[in-house]
């Protein structure tokens, strides 16, 4: 266990736990936004393609933008 923590940069157990939690939350938010875009119907077919690209290319920031702006554009 000590060698693993040294490999990570000498982080303690709590720091590693926080990094893992933030990583999982970010990944979960990204997956939720991507699945929501793919399942939803939009006014234009091009809107769906644009939102898929935004969420995939900008990842966490794209997911936040979609959830703040894109959900209002659904039919």
N, C-alpha and C. Protein backbone atom coordinates (compact mmCIF):
# COMPACT_ATOMS: atom_id res chain seq x y z
N UNK A 1 0.83 -1.19 0.00
CA UNK A 1 0.00 0.00 0.00
C UNK A 1 0.87 1.25 0.00
N UNK A 2 1.96 1.23 0.74
CA UNK A 2 2.83 2.40 0.80
C UNK A 2 3.46 2.70 -0.56
N UNK A 3 3.80 1.65 -1.29
CA UNK A 3 4.40 1.88 -2.61
C UNK A 3 3.38 2.47 -3.57
N UNK A 4 2.10 2.09 -3.44
CA UNK A 4 1.06 2.65 -4.29
C UNK A 4 0.90 4.14 -4.01
N UNK A 5 0.89 4.54 -2.75
CA UNK A 5 0.74 5.94 -2.40
C UNK A 5 1.95 6.75 -2.84
N UNK A 6 3.13 6.16 -2.79
CA UNK A 6 4.31 6.87 -3.28
C UNK A 6 4.24 7.04 -4.79
N UNK A 7 3.70 6.05 -5.48
CA UNK A 7 3.55 6.15 -6.93
C UNK A 7 2.59 7.27 -7.30
N UNK A 8 1.56 7.47 -6.49
CA UNK A 8 0.57 8.50 -6.76
C UNK A 8 1.11 9.89 -6.42
N UNK A 9 2.19 9.99 -5.75
CA UNK A 9 2.77 11.28 -5.45
C UNK A 9 2.86 11.54 -3.97
N UNK A 10 2.80 10.52 -3.18
CA UNK A 10 2.91 10.68 -1.74
C UNK A 10 1.61 11.17 -1.11
N UNK A 11 0.50 10.99 -1.79
CA UNK A 11 -0.78 11.41 -1.24
C UNK A 11 -1.20 10.46 -0.13
N UNK A 12 -1.92 11.00 0.83
CA UNK A 12 -2.44 10.17 1.90
C UNK A 12 -3.73 9.50 1.46
N UNK A 13 -4.28 8.68 2.32
CA UNK A 13 -5.49 7.94 2.00
C UNK A 13 -6.68 8.82 1.69
N UNK A 14 -6.86 9.89 2.49
CA UNK A 14 -8.00 10.78 2.28
C UNK A 14 -7.88 11.55 0.97
N UNK A 15 -6.68 11.94 0.62
CA UNK A 15 -6.50 12.67 -0.63
C UNK A 15 -6.80 11.78 -1.83
N UNK A 16 -6.36 10.53 -1.76
CA UNK A 16 -6.64 9.59 -2.84
C UNK A 16 -8.15 9.36 -2.94
N UNK A 17 -8.81 9.22 -1.80
CA UNK A 17 -10.26 9.02 -1.78
C UNK A 17 -10.98 10.21 -2.42
N UNK A 18 -10.57 11.43 -2.09
CA UNK A 18 -11.19 12.61 -2.68
C UNK A 18 -10.98 12.69 -4.19
N UNK A 19 -9.80 12.34 -4.65
CA UNK A 19 -9.52 12.34 -6.08
C UNK A 19 -10.41 11.33 -6.78
N UNK A 20 -10.56 10.15 -6.21
CA UNK A 20 -11.40 9.11 -6.81
C UNK A 20 -12.86 9.55 -6.82
N UNK A 21 -13.33 10.15 -5.74
CA UNK A 21 -14.73 10.61 -5.69
C UNK A 21 -14.99 11.67 -6.74
N UNK A 22 -14.10 12.67 -6.87
CA UNK A 22 -14.30 13.70 -7.87
C UNK A 22 -14.22 13.14 -9.28
N UNK A 23 -13.34 12.17 -9.50
CA UNK A 23 -13.25 11.53 -10.80
C UNK A 23 -14.54 10.80 -11.14
N UNK A 24 -15.08 10.06 -10.17
CA UNK A 24 -16.31 9.32 -10.41
C UNK A 24 -17.50 10.24 -10.61
N UNK A 25 -17.57 11.33 -9.86
CA UNK A 25 -18.66 12.29 -10.04
C UNK A 25 -18.60 12.95 -11.41
N UNK A 26 -17.41 13.33 -11.82
CA UNK A 26 -17.25 13.95 -13.14
C UNK A 26 -17.59 13.00 -14.27
N UNK A 27 -17.15 11.76 -14.14
CA UNK A 27 -17.44 10.76 -15.16
C UNK A 27 -18.92 10.44 -15.18
N UNK A 28 -19.53 10.34 -14.02
CA UNK A 28 -20.97 10.07 -13.95
C UNK A 28 -21.79 11.19 -14.56
N UNK A 29 -21.42 12.43 -14.28
CA UNK A 29 -22.12 13.57 -14.87
C UNK A 29 -21.97 13.57 -16.38
N UNK A 30 -20.77 13.27 -16.87
CA UNK A 30 -20.52 13.23 -18.30
C UNK A 30 -21.36 12.13 -18.97
N UNK A 31 -21.39 10.94 -18.37
CA UNK A 31 -22.18 9.84 -18.93
C UNK A 31 -23.67 10.16 -18.91
N UNK A 32 -24.15 10.76 -17.83
CA UNK A 32 -25.56 11.14 -17.74
C UNK A 32 -25.93 12.10 -18.86
N UNK A 33 -25.10 13.12 -19.07
CA UNK A 33 -25.39 14.11 -20.11
C UNK A 33 -25.35 13.47 -21.50
N UNK A 34 -24.37 12.61 -21.75
CA UNK A 34 -24.26 11.97 -23.05
C UNK A 34 -25.45 11.06 -23.32
N UNK A 35 -25.86 10.26 -22.34
CA UNK A 35 -27.01 9.39 -22.52
C UNK A 35 -28.28 10.20 -22.70
N UNK A 36 -28.42 11.30 -21.96
CA UNK A 36 -29.60 12.15 -22.09
C UNK A 36 -29.68 12.77 -23.48
N UNK A 37 -28.55 13.20 -24.02
CA UNK A 37 -28.54 13.76 -25.37
C UNK A 37 -28.96 12.70 -26.39
N UNK A 38 -28.39 11.52 -26.26
CA UNK A 38 -28.67 10.46 -27.23
C UNK A 38 -30.11 9.97 -27.18
N UNK A 39 -30.74 10.00 -26.03
CA UNK A 39 -32.12 9.53 -25.89
C UNK A 39 -33.16 10.60 -26.21
N UNK A 40 -32.78 11.84 -26.22
CA UNK A 40 -33.73 12.94 -26.36
C UNK A 40 -34.00 13.28 -27.82
N UNK A 41 -35.14 13.91 -28.02
CA UNK A 41 -35.49 14.43 -29.33
C UNK A 41 -35.37 15.95 -29.26
N UNK A 42 -34.77 16.52 -30.28
CA UNK A 42 -34.58 17.97 -30.36
C UNK A 42 -35.40 18.52 -31.50
N UNK A 43 -35.53 19.83 -31.54
CA UNK A 43 -36.30 20.48 -32.62
C UNK A 43 -35.68 20.20 -33.98
N UNK A 44 -34.37 20.25 -34.05
CA UNK A 44 -33.65 19.96 -35.30
C UNK A 44 -32.73 18.77 -35.07
N UNK A 45 -32.54 17.97 -36.12
CA UNK A 45 -31.60 16.85 -36.00
C UNK A 45 -30.17 17.34 -35.81
N UNK A 46 -29.86 18.49 -36.36
CA UNK A 46 -28.51 19.01 -36.23
C UNK A 46 -28.21 19.43 -34.79
N UNK A 47 -29.22 19.83 -34.03
CA UNK A 47 -29.01 20.18 -32.62
C UNK A 47 -28.49 18.99 -31.83
N UNK A 48 -29.03 17.83 -32.12
CA UNK A 48 -28.60 16.62 -31.41
C UNK A 48 -27.14 16.32 -31.72
N UNK A 49 -26.75 16.43 -32.97
CA UNK A 49 -25.36 16.17 -33.35
C UNK A 49 -24.43 17.17 -32.68
N UNK A 50 -24.84 18.42 -32.68
CA UNK A 50 -24.02 19.47 -32.06
C UNK A 50 -23.84 19.20 -30.57
N UNK A 51 -24.92 18.83 -29.86
CA UNK A 51 -24.81 18.58 -28.43
C UNK A 51 -23.98 17.34 -28.13
N UNK A 52 -24.08 16.32 -28.98
CA UNK A 52 -23.23 15.14 -28.79
C UNK A 52 -21.76 15.54 -28.91
N UNK A 53 -21.44 16.33 -29.91
CA UNK A 53 -20.05 16.77 -30.10
C UNK A 53 -19.58 17.64 -28.94
N UNK A 54 -20.44 18.54 -28.47
CA UNK A 54 -20.07 19.41 -27.35
C UNK A 54 -19.78 18.58 -26.11
N UNK A 55 -20.65 17.62 -25.80
CA UNK A 55 -20.48 16.81 -24.60
C UNK A 55 -19.25 15.92 -24.72
N UNK A 56 -19.01 15.35 -25.90
CA UNK A 56 -17.85 14.46 -26.07
C UNK A 56 -16.54 15.24 -26.07
N UNK A 57 -16.48 16.35 -26.81
CA UNK A 57 -15.22 17.07 -26.96
C UNK A 57 -14.86 17.90 -25.73
N UNK A 58 -15.85 18.47 -25.07
CA UNK A 58 -15.56 19.31 -23.90
C UNK A 58 -15.69 18.56 -22.58
N UNK A 59 -16.13 17.33 -22.64
CA UNK A 59 -16.29 16.42 -21.51
C UNK A 59 -17.00 17.07 -20.33
N UNK A 60 -16.35 17.31 -19.22
CA UNK A 60 -17.03 17.80 -18.01
C UNK A 60 -17.68 19.16 -18.24
N UNK A 61 -16.96 20.06 -18.86
CA UNK A 61 -17.51 21.39 -19.14
C UNK A 61 -18.67 21.29 -20.12
N UNK A 62 -18.56 20.44 -21.12
CA UNK A 62 -19.64 20.23 -22.08
C UNK A 62 -20.88 19.67 -21.42
N UNK A 63 -20.70 18.78 -20.47
CA UNK A 63 -21.85 18.22 -19.74
C UNK A 63 -22.55 19.30 -18.94
N UNK A 64 -21.79 20.16 -18.29
CA UNK A 64 -22.39 21.25 -17.51
C UNK A 64 -23.13 22.22 -18.43
N UNK A 65 -22.52 22.55 -19.56
CA UNK A 65 -23.17 23.46 -20.52
C UNK A 65 -24.46 22.84 -21.04
N UNK A 66 -24.42 21.55 -21.38
CA UNK A 66 -25.63 20.89 -21.87
C UNK A 66 -26.73 20.90 -20.82
N UNK A 67 -26.39 20.56 -19.59
CA UNK A 67 -27.41 20.51 -18.54
C UNK A 67 -27.97 21.89 -18.23
N UNK A 68 -27.18 22.94 -18.42
CA UNK A 68 -27.65 24.29 -18.15
C UNK A 68 -28.43 24.87 -19.33
N UNK A 69 -28.03 24.57 -20.56
CA UNK A 69 -28.62 25.22 -21.73
C UNK A 69 -29.38 24.23 -22.61
N UNK A 70 -28.81 23.08 -22.87
CA UNK A 70 -29.34 22.15 -23.86
C UNK A 70 -30.63 21.47 -23.48
N UNK A 71 -30.87 21.26 -22.20
CA UNK A 71 -32.10 20.60 -21.78
C UNK A 71 -33.33 21.41 -22.16
N UNK A 72 -33.20 22.71 -22.30
CA UNK A 72 -34.31 23.57 -22.68
C UNK A 72 -34.65 23.47 -24.16
N UNK A 73 -33.77 22.89 -24.96
CA UNK A 73 -33.98 22.81 -26.39
C UNK A 73 -34.65 21.52 -26.84
N UNK A 74 -34.95 20.66 -25.90
CA UNK A 74 -35.59 19.39 -26.23
C UNK A 74 -37.07 19.60 -26.55
N UNK A 75 -37.60 18.65 -27.32
CA UNK A 75 -39.03 18.71 -27.68
C UNK A 75 -39.85 18.21 -26.53
